[in-house]
Amino acid sequence: MDNASTQPGTTPHLKRVLGRMDLVLLFVVAIVNLNVVPSIAANGGVTIWLWLLALVFFFLPQGIAVIELSQRYPGEGGVYLWTKKYFGDFHGFLSGWCYWTNNVFYIPTILLYLVGVGTFAAGPKARTLADDPQFTFFAALAALIVLVALNVVGVGVGKWVNNLGGIGTWIIATALIVLGVVMFTTHGSALQASDFRIAGADWRIIATFGTICFGLVGLELGSVMGDEIKDPHRTVPQAVLIGGIASGVLYLGATLTLLLAVPKESIGVLQGVVQAIQSMAEAVGVNWVVAPLAFVLSISIAGIASAWLSGSARIPFVAGIDRYLPASLGKLHPRTATPYVALIAHGVFSALFMAFNNLVGRPSVKEAFQIMLALAVVLQLVPFLYVYAALVRIANAPRDQSGRYGKGTLMLAGLSGLTTTAIGMIVAFVPPAGVKSVPIFEVKMILGTAFFIVLAGFFFFVYSRRKQVQPAAVGI
């Protein structure tokens, strides 16, 4: 289809290349980011209760919401499309904007993890390169360019990065669990029954709940690419069920075995899961598995970056079609039928963010990332306020045959998800233990959140006026 024929309110012809197993692996690689497990597990056994609460009251309703809304509106755009249908154009744009901008600076952090794990897998001599800011910047930039290029070539090509990443996530999570079980049986448990007691726990641990909810986001990612799924009415529910159960099991299993095998004081928060694997492998005498598993983990991380890059870039694509962002973002590549302008724009903004971080002095990098993570939690959860509110609205509307679930299920899932999402956003403003100045942290969080929301309003209302003027100009 010629790009020039794309009109506002229509979706260009995209290729349906994603099957059920592609979606399952996409969900696993997008949701299960094992690098967050050590930072969560370092808070002790109490985090298991937080995981269970998030799985029951946030993740399960998320699955119900994705299945219900994708059945009603299976087109490209996902959270952007659903919010626009139930709450209007501005709220749809704000929902999609928060979803996209969060990933603009989330993907660079994933790529930095990729470089660190990749150098670890390359051997002791290469590991020193991870401390060189110039090397890490250019290596992460090169990885970003490759991932953008693969996704521009086509979803049929880019999906294999996601699929390999999903398989890698399975392998790493399984290896982590097996190592934990072996270490538990040979060295005993580092976990005591008292570690599960909520009474006496540091109250700041509640900030972890927002991070857990953030880590469980991803079931909606397939629906953001709705026009690229084969038989979405049947494929999406099956993939959500399989991928959701798999993701929950992998997260819980990895966290619990890490707690069983390693004292929480020894869990490396900043180093990530590869150091946990190395520590347990050395303890049980299988050092040889560390380098191969680090290589597999690097593939898994590349898959995570590719999944969020390809999925979140569809938001500015459909916003460009609706003329709420520059219309060029809604163009398809004439040969590969991919939203190449949106993908390239996403890559450019992520590269600029990486360059900015590279210029920030190293002493402030840790705290900068803490703020960015907390801000990412807030922005990523904004669309889910709308998604769960949409379930409540559907439950209160006259019953029709286009959905999948009954009114009671939709109301329960909507209220549960809405409440849990609001709590996750609120606790993201609780400063973590390493923050030097609580007032400065709070000011940066408030200003950062306000900045992105105001910027969304600026783009929406500027381009809304252009949409109103454009038809009159055409008629002259």
Protein backbone atom coordinates (compact mmCIF):
# COMPACT_ATOMS: atom_id res chain seq x y z
CA MET A 1 0.00 0.00 0.00
CA ASP A 2 1.33 3.44 -0.92
CA ASN A 3 2.15 5.58 2.10
CA ALA A 4 0.55 8.58 0.50
CA SER A 5 -2.84 6.92 0.55
CA THR A 6 -2.91 6.72 4.34
CA GLN A 7 -5.76 8.90 5.66
CA PRO A 8 -6.56 10.05 9.19
CA GLY A 9 -8.59 7.49 11.13
CA THR A 10 -7.50 4.57 8.96
CA THR A 11 -4.84 1.98 9.61
CA PRO A 12 -2.42 1.16 6.79
CA HIS A 13 -2.15 -2.44 5.67
CA LEU A 14 0.20 -4.29 8.01
CA LYS A 15 1.32 -7.90 7.56
CA ARG A 16 -0.22 -10.51 9.89
CA VAL A 17 2.82 -12.59 10.80
CA LEU A 18 2.46 -13.18 14.58
CA GLY A 19 1.09 -16.59 15.59
CA ARG A 20 0.21 -17.99 19.01
CA MET A 21 3.73 -19.17 19.91
CA ASP A 22 5.18 -15.86 18.70
CA LEU A 23 2.85 -14.04 21.11
CA VAL A 24 3.61 -16.40 24.00
CA LEU A 25 7.35 -15.82 23.59
CA LEU A 26 6.72 -12.08 23.14
CA PHE A 27 4.83 -11.98 26.45
CA VAL A 28 7.52 -13.97 28.27
CA VAL A 29 10.41 -11.86 26.97
CA ALA A 30 8.54 -8.57 27.51
CA ILE A 31 7.29 -9.37 31.02
CA VAL A 32 10.02 -11.49 32.61
CA ASN A 33 12.95 -9.10 33.02
CA LEU A 34 15.15 -11.18 35.32
CA ASN A 35 17.42 -8.22 36.02
CA VAL A 36 14.76 -6.81 38.39
CA VAL A 37 14.61 -10.05 40.43
CA PRO A 38 17.80 -9.48 42.52
CA SER A 39 16.82 -5.89 43.38
CA ILE A 40 13.39 -7.12 44.54
CA ALA A 41 14.70 -10.23 46.32
CA ALA A 42 17.27 -8.12 48.20
CA ASN A 43 14.36 -6.84 50.32
CA GLY A 44 13.88 -10.31 51.80
CA GLY A 45 11.13 -12.91 52.02
CA VAL A 46 8.39 -10.31 52.49
CA THR A 47 8.63 -9.61 48.76
CA ILE A 48 7.01 -12.99 48.05
CA TRP A 49 3.78 -11.62 49.53
CA LEU A 50 4.12 -8.52 47.36
CA TRP A 51 4.57 -10.74 44.30
CA LEU A 52 1.43 -12.72 45.16
CA LEU A 53 -0.61 -9.56 45.77
CA ALA A 54 0.52 -8.09 42.45
CA LEU A 55 -0.15 -11.34 40.57
CA VAL A 56 -3.68 -11.69 41.96
CA PHE A 57 -4.84 -8.07 42.03
CA PHE A 58 -2.89 -6.55 39.11
CA PHE A 59 -1.64 -9.24 36.72
CA LEU A 60 -4.77 -11.42 36.63
CA PRO A 61 -7.05 -8.41 35.99
CA GLN A 62 -4.56 -7.31 33.32
CA GLY A 63 -5.05 -10.63 31.51
CA ILE A 64 -8.84 -10.28 31.72
CA ALA A 65 -8.64 -6.69 30.45
CA VAL A 66 -6.39 -7.55 27.51
CA ILE A 67 -8.57 -10.48 26.43
CA GLU A 68 -11.83 -8.51 26.80
CA LEU A 69 -10.67 -5.34 25.08
CA SER A 70 -8.74 -7.10 22.31
CA GLN A 71 -11.91 -9.08 21.54
CA ARG A 72 -13.90 -5.86 21.24
CA TYR A 73 -11.23 -3.77 19.50
CA PRO A 74 -8.53 -5.98 17.94
CA GLY A 75 -6.91 -3.25 15.82
CA GLU A 76 -3.43 -1.71 15.98
CA GLY A 77 -2.74 0.53 18.98
CA GLY A 78 -3.81 -1.47 22.03
CA VAL A 79 -4.00 0.80 25.09
CA TYR A 80 -4.10 3.90 22.86
CA LEU A 81 -7.05 2.55 20.85
CA TRP A 82 -8.96 1.23 23.86
CA THR A 83 -8.62 4.42 25.88
CA LYS A 84 -9.68 6.56 22.92
CA LYS A 85 -12.80 4.43 22.40
CA TYR A 86 -14.01 4.78 26.00
CA PHE A 87 -12.64 8.13 27.19
CA GLY A 88 -12.04 10.25 24.11
CA ASP A 89 -9.15 11.35 21.93
CA PHE A 90 -7.15 13.33 24.50
CA HIS A 91 -7.16 10.54 27.08
CA GLY A 92 -6.29 8.03 24.37
CA PHE A 93 -3.33 10.17 23.33
CA LEU A 94 -2.20 10.69 26.95
CA SER A 95 -2.39 6.95 27.60
CA GLY A 96 -0.37 6.12 24.50
CA TRP A 97 2.06 8.98 25.12
CA CYS A 98 2.92 7.76 28.63
CA TYR A 99 3.27 4.21 27.33
CA TRP A 100 5.66 5.30 24.57
CA THR A 101 7.78 7.91 26.39
CA ASN A 102 8.38 5.51 29.26
CA ASN A 103 9.92 3.06 26.79
CA VAL A 104 12.05 5.76 25.17
CA PHE A 105 14.24 5.81 28.28
CA TYR A 106 13.50 2.24 29.46
CA ILE A 107 15.08 0.66 26.36
CA PRO A 108 18.49 2.38 26.88
CA THR A 109 18.69 0.94 30.41
CA ILE A 110 18.03 -2.52 28.95
CA LEU A 111 20.76 -1.98 26.36
CA LEU A 112 23.23 -0.97 29.08
CA TYR A 113 22.41 -4.24 30.84
CA LEU A 114 22.99 -5.99 27.52
CA VAL A 115 26.47 -4.50 27.17
CA GLY A 116 27.37 -5.37 30.75
CA VAL A 117 26.23 -8.98 30.45
CA GLY A 118 27.79 -9.29 26.99
CA THR A 119 31.21 -8.20 28.25
CA PHE A 120 30.81 -10.57 31.20
CA ALA A 121 30.17 -13.45 28.80
CA ALA A 122 33.24 -12.50 26.73
CA GLY A 123 35.64 -13.29 29.57
CA PRO A 124 37.66 -11.62 32.35
CA LYS A 125 39.64 -9.32 30.00
CA ALA A 126 36.51 -7.96 28.34
CA ARG A 127 34.69 -7.38 31.65
CA THR A 128 36.79 -4.29 32.41
CA LEU A 129 35.22 -2.63 29.35
CA ALA A 130 31.90 -2.48 31.20
CA ASP A 131 33.41 0.26 33.39
CA ASP A 132 34.36 2.39 30.37
CA PRO A 133 31.48 4.87 29.77
CA GLN A 134 32.57 5.55 26.18
CA PHE A 135 32.65 1.85 25.29
CA THR A 136 29.29 1.13 26.93
CA PHE A 137 27.67 4.08 25.15
CA PHE A 138 28.87 3.16 21.67
CA ALA A 139 28.22 -0.56 22.19
CA ALA A 140 24.66 0.14 23.38
CA LEU A 141 24.17 2.58 20.49
CA ALA A 142 25.32 -0.08 18.00
CA ALA A 143 22.90 -2.60 19.53
CA LEU A 144 20.07 -0.05 19.27
CA ILE A 145 20.83 0.59 15.58
CA VAL A 146 20.84 -3.14 14.83
CA LEU A 147 17.51 -3.70 16.61
CA VAL A 148 15.87 -0.76 14.82
CA ALA A 149 17.16 -2.03 11.48
CA LEU A 150 15.86 -5.57 12.10
CA ASN A 151 12.41 -4.27 13.01
CA VAL A 152 12.34 -1.96 9.99
CA VAL A 153 13.12 -4.95 7.77
CA GLY A 154 9.90 -6.50 9.04
CA VAL A 155 8.06 -8.04 11.98
CA GLY A 156 8.65 -11.41 10.33
CA VAL A 157 12.39 -10.83 10.87
CA GLY A 158 12.29 -8.81 14.10
CA LYS A 159 10.03 -11.36 15.79
CA TRP A 160 12.88 -13.88 15.77
CA VAL A 161 14.90 -11.63 18.06
CA ASN A 162 11.87 -11.59 20.38
CA ASN A 163 11.44 -15.38 20.07
CA LEU A 164 15.10 -16.11 20.77
CA GLY A 165 14.91 -13.71 23.71
CA GLY A 166 11.85 -15.54 25.06
CA ILE A 167 13.61 -18.90 24.78
CA GLY A 168 16.67 -17.37 26.46
CA THR A 169 14.52 -16.11 29.32
CA TRP A 170 13.12 -19.62 29.84
CA ILE A 171 16.65 -21.08 29.90
CA ILE A 172 18.05 -18.50 32.32
CA ALA A 173 15.07 -18.67 34.69
CA THR A 174 15.21 -22.46 34.69
CA ALA A 175 18.98 -22.42 35.30
CA LEU A 176 18.54 -19.94 38.15
CA ILE A 177 15.88 -22.14 39.74
CA VAL A 178 17.91 -25.34 39.29
CA LEU A 179 21.04 -23.74 40.74
CA GLY A 180 19.01 -22.45 43.66
CA VAL A 181 17.51 -25.88 44.36
CA VAL A 182 20.94 -27.58 44.18
CA MET A 183 22.47 -24.97 46.47
CA PHE A 184 19.54 -25.32 48.86
CA THR A 185 19.92 -29.12 49.04
CA THR A 186 23.72 -28.99 49.46
CA HIS A 187 24.22 -25.89 51.60
CA GLY A 188 20.89 -25.45 53.34
CA SER A 189 18.60 -22.45 53.25
CA ALA A 190 19.59 -18.84 53.76
CA LEU A 191 15.93 -18.04 54.39
CA GLN A 192 14.22 -18.22 57.76
CA ALA A 193 10.49 -18.34 58.54
CA SER A 194 10.82 -14.96 60.24
CA ASP A 195 11.89 -13.42 56.91
CA PHE A 196 8.30 -13.78 55.68
CA ARG A 197 6.84 -11.77 58.55
CA ILE A 198 5.40 -8.44 57.53
CA ALA A 199 5.57 -7.04 61.07
CA GLY A 200 8.87 -5.27 61.66
CA ALA A 201 9.77 -4.96 57.97
CA ASP A 202 11.17 -1.67 56.69
CA TRP A 203 8.15 0.39 55.58
CA ARG A 204 10.07 1.62 52.53
CA ILE A 205 9.75 -1.87 51.08
CA ILE A 206 6.32 -0.81 49.78
CA ALA A 207 8.17 1.08 47.02
CA THR A 208 9.06 -2.38 45.68
CA PHE A 209 5.37 -3.04 45.02
CA GLY A 210 5.34 -0.40 42.28
CA THR A 211 8.45 -1.98 40.72
CA ILE A 212 6.79 -5.41 40.83
CA CYS A 213 3.70 -4.06 39.04
CA PHE A 214 6.03 -2.40 36.54
CA GLY A 215 7.74 -5.77 36.01
CA LEU A 216 4.40 -7.47 35.35
CA VAL A 217 3.39 -5.11 32.54
CA GLY A 218 3.47 -6.62 29.06
CA LEU A 219 0.36 -8.69 28.31
CA GLU A 220 -1.04 -5.70 26.42
CA LEU A 221 2.03 -5.51 24.16
CA GLY A 222 0.68 -8.03 21.65
CA SER A 223 -2.54 -6.06 21.26
CA VAL A 224 -0.56 -2.88 20.54
CA MET A 225 0.41 -4.80 17.37
CA GLY A 226 -3.17 -6.03 16.84
CA ASP A 227 -3.20 -5.73 13.05
CA GLU A 228 -0.08 -7.93 12.83
CA ILE A 229 -1.57 -10.95 14.66
CA LYS A 230 -2.99 -13.95 12.83
CA ASP A 231 -6.62 -14.59 13.84
CA PRO A 232 -6.42 -12.26 16.90
CA HIS A 233 -9.83 -13.27 18.33
CA ARG A 234 -8.56 -16.80 18.95
CA THR A 235 -4.80 -16.25 19.21
CA VAL A 236 -4.71 -13.47 21.84
CA PRO A 237 -6.72 -15.23 24.62
CA GLN A 238 -4.71 -18.45 24.26
CA ALA A 239 -1.38 -16.62 24.24
CA VAL A 240 -2.36 -14.42 27.22
CA LEU A 241 -3.28 -17.50 29.27
CA ILE A 242 -0.11 -19.46 28.45
CA GLY A 243 2.26 -16.49 28.55
CA GLY A 244 0.71 -15.08 31.74
CA ILE A 245 1.00 -18.33 33.69
CA ALA A 246 4.55 -18.90 32.43
CA SER A 247 5.65 -15.38 33.39
CA GLY A 248 4.16 -15.60 36.88
CA VAL A 249 5.77 -18.99 37.54
CA LEU A 250 9.18 -17.84 36.29
CA TYR A 251 9.15 -14.65 38.38
CA LEU A 252 8.01 -16.39 41.57
CA GLY A 253 10.35 -19.35 41.07
CA ALA A 254 13.38 -17.18 40.37
CA THR A 255 12.73 -14.88 43.35
CA LEU A 256 12.04 -17.70 45.81
CA THR A 257 15.05 -19.84 44.83
CA LEU A 258 17.33 -16.79 44.99
CA LEU A 259 16.07 -16.08 48.50
CA LEU A 260 16.54 -19.72 49.50
CA ALA A 261 20.05 -19.94 48.12
CA VAL A 262 21.64 -16.56 48.85
CA PRO A 263 21.39 -14.38 51.99
CA LYS A 264 19.55 -11.18 51.12
CA GLU A 265 22.57 -9.13 52.26
CA SER A 266 24.68 -10.88 49.59
CA ILE A 267 22.29 -10.37 46.69
CA GLY A 268 23.85 -7.92 44.24
CA VAL A 269 21.22 -5.29 43.50
CA LEU A 270 23.14 -3.39 40.86
CA GLN A 271 25.06 -6.28 39.26
CA GLY A 272 21.96 -8.16 38.23
CA VAL A 273 21.11 -11.80 37.83
CA VAL A 274 24.38 -12.89 36.19
CA GLN A 275 26.30 -12.29 39.42
CA ALA A 276 23.71 -14.33 41.32
CA ILE A 277 24.22 -17.18 38.85
CA GLN A 278 28.00 -16.91 39.23
CA SER A 279 27.78 -16.94 43.03
CA MET A 280 25.60 -20.05 43.11
CA ALA A 281 27.58 -21.82 40.36
CA GLU A 282 30.82 -21.34 42.31
CA ALA A 283 29.18 -22.61 45.49
CA VAL A 284 28.00 -25.87 43.86
CA GLY A 285 31.16 -26.35 41.77
CA VAL A 286 29.87 -25.76 38.24
CA ASN A 287 31.74 -22.60 37.28
CA TRP A 288 31.80 -23.67 33.63
CA VAL A 289 28.09 -22.84 33.21
CA VAL A 290 28.52 -19.13 33.97
CA ALA A 291 29.89 -17.93 30.61
CA PRO A 292 27.36 -19.88 28.46
CA LEU A 293 24.48 -18.71 30.64
CA ALA A 294 25.73 -15.10 30.46
CA PHE A 295 25.69 -15.42 26.66
CA VAL A 296 22.12 -16.78 26.73
CA LEU A 297 21.13 -13.98 29.12
CA SER A 298 22.51 -11.40 26.66
CA ILE A 299 20.23 -12.89 23.98
CA SER A 300 17.30 -12.68 26.40
CA ILE A 301 18.04 -9.01 27.12
CA ALA A 302 18.30 -8.24 23.40
CA GLY A 303 14.87 -9.84 23.00
CA ILE A 304 13.45 -7.64 25.78
CA ALA A 305 14.76 -4.50 24.07
CA SER A 306 13.45 -5.60 20.67
CA ALA A 307 10.00 -6.48 22.03
CA TRP A 308 9.48 -3.11 23.71
CA LEU A 309 11.01 -1.20 20.80
CA SER A 310 8.79 -2.83 18.19
CA GLY A 311 5.65 -2.75 20.35
CA SER A 312 5.84 0.76 21.80
CA ALA A 313 6.80 2.29 18.42
CA ARG A 314 3.29 1.38 17.22
CA ILE A 315 1.88 4.08 19.52
CA PRO A 316 3.42 7.09 17.68
CA PHE A 317 2.59 5.23 14.45
CA VAL A 318 -1.17 5.22 15.12
CA ALA A 319 -0.98 8.71 16.69
CA GLY A 320 0.64 9.89 13.46
CA ILE A 321 -2.21 8.33 11.46
CA ASP A 322 -4.69 10.20 13.70
CA ARG A 323 -2.67 13.41 13.14
CA TYR A 324 -2.03 13.95 16.87
CA LEU A 325 1.70 13.69 16.13
CA PRO A 326 3.51 14.47 12.86
CA ALA A 327 1.77 12.59 10.03
CA SER A 328 5.10 11.17 8.84
CA LEU A 329 5.10 8.88 11.90
CA GLY A 330 2.10 7.08 10.37
CA LYS A 331 3.97 6.07 7.22
CA LEU A 332 4.74 2.48 6.25
CA HIS A 333 7.85 1.34 4.44
CA PRO A 334 6.85 0.78 0.78
CA ARG A 335 8.56 -2.61 0.62
CA THR A 336 8.54 -4.11 4.14
CA ALA A 337 5.19 -2.60 5.30
CA THR A 338 6.64 -1.62 8.68
CA PRO A 339 6.17 1.73 10.52
CA TYR A 340 9.76 2.64 9.76
CA VAL A 341 9.50 6.37 10.59
CA ALA A 342 8.07 5.63 14.05
CA LEU A 343 10.74 2.97 14.66
CA ILE A 344 13.56 5.29 13.58
CA ALA A 345 12.14 8.17 15.65
CA HIS A 346 11.96 5.87 18.67
CA GLY A 347 15.58 4.86 18.10
CA VAL A 348 16.72 8.48 17.73
CA PHE A 349 15.06 9.61 20.99
CA SER A 350 16.46 6.60 22.87
CA ALA A 351 19.92 7.36 21.46
CA LEU A 352 19.64 10.98 22.62
CA PHE A 353 18.69 9.81 26.10
CA MET A 354 21.70 7.47 26.17
CA ALA A 355 23.95 10.36 25.10
CA PHE A 356 22.53 12.52 27.89
CA ASN A 357 23.16 9.81 30.48
CA ASN A 358 26.70 9.39 29.16
CA LEU A 359 27.36 13.06 29.88
CA VAL A 360 26.04 12.82 33.45
CA GLY A 361 28.81 12.49 36.02
CA ARG A 362 29.30 8.92 37.22
CA PRO A 363 28.77 9.74 40.95
CA SER A 364 25.17 10.76 40.17
CA VAL A 365 24.34 7.94 37.76
CA LYS A 366 23.02 5.57 40.44
CA GLU A 367 20.57 8.08 41.88
CA ALA A 368 19.59 9.26 38.38
CA PHE A 369 18.63 5.72 37.49
CA GLN A 370 16.66 5.34 40.73
CA ILE A 371 14.62 8.40 39.81
CA MET A 372 14.20 7.25 36.22
CA LEU A 373 12.99 3.82 37.38
CA ALA A 374 10.44 5.39 39.72
CA LEU A 375 9.32 7.80 36.98
CA ALA A 376 9.07 4.88 34.53
CA VAL A 377 6.78 3.07 36.99
CA VAL A 378 4.43 6.07 37.16
CA LEU A 379 4.32 6.64 33.40
CA GLN A 380 3.96 2.95 32.53
CA LEU A 381 1.04 2.51 34.90
CA VAL A 382 -0.94 5.55 33.65
CA PRO A 383 -2.44 3.60 30.68
CA PHE A 384 -3.60 0.86 33.04
CA LEU A 385 -5.72 3.32 35.01
CA TYR A 386 -7.64 3.82 31.77
CA VAL A 387 -7.65 0.11 30.86
CA TYR A 388 -9.16 -0.96 34.19
CA ALA A 389 -11.57 2.00 34.22
CA ALA A 390 -12.73 0.81 30.78
CA LEU A 391 -13.62 -2.58 32.31
CA VAL A 392 -15.73 -0.83 34.95
CA ARG A 393 -17.46 1.19 32.23
CA ILE A 394 -18.17 -1.96 30.19
CA ALA A 395 -19.55 -3.71 33.28
CA ASN A 396 -21.98 -0.81 33.87
CA ALA A 397 -23.10 -0.68 30.23
CA PRO A 398 -25.95 -2.76 28.73
CA ARG A 399 -24.79 -6.30 28.00
CA ASP A 400 -23.77 -7.03 24.40
CA GLN A 401 -22.31 -10.03 22.61
CA SER A 402 -18.99 -8.49 21.51
CA GLY A 403 -17.12 -9.26 24.74
CA ARG A 404 -16.00 -12.42 26.47
CA TYR A 405 -16.64 -12.01 30.21
CA GLY A 406 -19.71 -11.33 32.33
CA LYS A 407 -20.46 -8.10 34.18
CA GLY A 408 -19.39 -9.43 37.58
CA THR A 409 -15.99 -10.59 36.34
CA LEU A 410 -15.37 -7.33 34.52
CA MET A 411 -16.40 -5.20 37.51
CA LEU A 412 -14.24 -7.21 39.93
CA ALA A 413 -11.23 -7.18 37.61
CA GLY A 414 -11.68 -3.48 36.85
CA LEU A 415 -11.93 -2.33 40.47
CA SER A 416 -9.11 -4.63 41.58
CA GLY A 417 -6.78 -3.51 38.82
CA LEU A 418 -7.71 0.15 39.22
CA THR A 419 -7.02 0.13 42.96
CA THR A 420 -3.77 -1.82 42.64
CA THR A 421 -2.50 0.39 39.83
CA ALA A 422 -3.20 3.54 41.84
CA ILE A 423 -1.34 2.08 44.83
CA GLY A 424 1.60 1.10 42.60
CA MET A 425 1.84 4.66 41.26
CA ILE A 426 1.59 6.23 44.72
CA VAL A 427 4.28 4.05 46.31
CA ALA A 428 6.62 4.86 43.40
CA PHE A 429 6.95 8.27 45.09
CA VAL A 430 8.36 6.60 48.23
CA PRO A 431 12.14 7.26 48.07
CA PRO A 432 14.35 4.13 48.09
CA ALA A 433 16.90 3.67 50.85
CA GLY A 434 19.87 4.93 48.80
CA VAL A 435 18.41 8.37 48.09
CA LYS A 436 20.46 11.16 49.72
CA SER A 437 17.79 13.88 49.76
CA VAL A 438 14.12 12.95 50.07
CA PRO A 439 12.81 16.46 49.19
CA ILE A 440 14.93 16.58 46.02
CA PHE A 441 13.74 13.09 45.03
CA GLU A 442 10.11 14.12 45.50
CA VAL A 443 10.54 17.39 43.58
CA LYS A 444 12.19 15.58 40.67
CA MET A 445 9.43 12.96 40.61
CA ILE A 446 6.63 15.54 40.67
CA LEU A 447 8.27 17.78 38.07
CA GLY A 448 9.19 14.82 35.88
CA THR A 449 5.64 13.45 35.90
CA ALA A 450 4.17 16.90 35.27
CA PHE A 451 6.64 17.55 32.44
CA PHE A 452 5.59 14.49 30.42
CA ILE A 453 1.87 15.10 30.99
CA VAL A 454 2.13 18.78 30.02
CA LEU A 455 4.18 17.83 26.96
CA ALA A 456 1.46 15.37 25.95
CA GLY A 457 -1.13 18.14 26.25
CA PHE A 458 1.03 20.49 24.18
CA PHE A 459 1.37 18.03 21.27
CA PHE A 460 -2.28 17.01 21.40
CA PHE A 461 -3.78 20.49 21.36
CA VAL A 462 -1.31 21.87 18.81
CA TYR A 463 -2.01 19.06 16.37
CA SER A 464 -5.75 19.11 17.17
CA ARG A 465 -5.89 22.69 15.91
CA ARG A 466 -4.04 21.68 12.76
CA LYS A 467 -6.57 18.90 12.18
CA GLN A 468 -9.41 21.41 12.45
CA VAL A 469 -7.74 23.86 10.05
CA GLN A 470 -6.64 21.25 7.52
CA PRO A 471 -10.09 20.27 6.12
CA ALA A 472 -10.99 23.96 5.59
CA ALA A 473 -7.72 24.54 3.74
CA VAL A 474 -8.41 21.56 1.51
CA GLY A 475 -11.87 22.89 0.63
CA ILE A 476 -10.55 26.27 -0.51
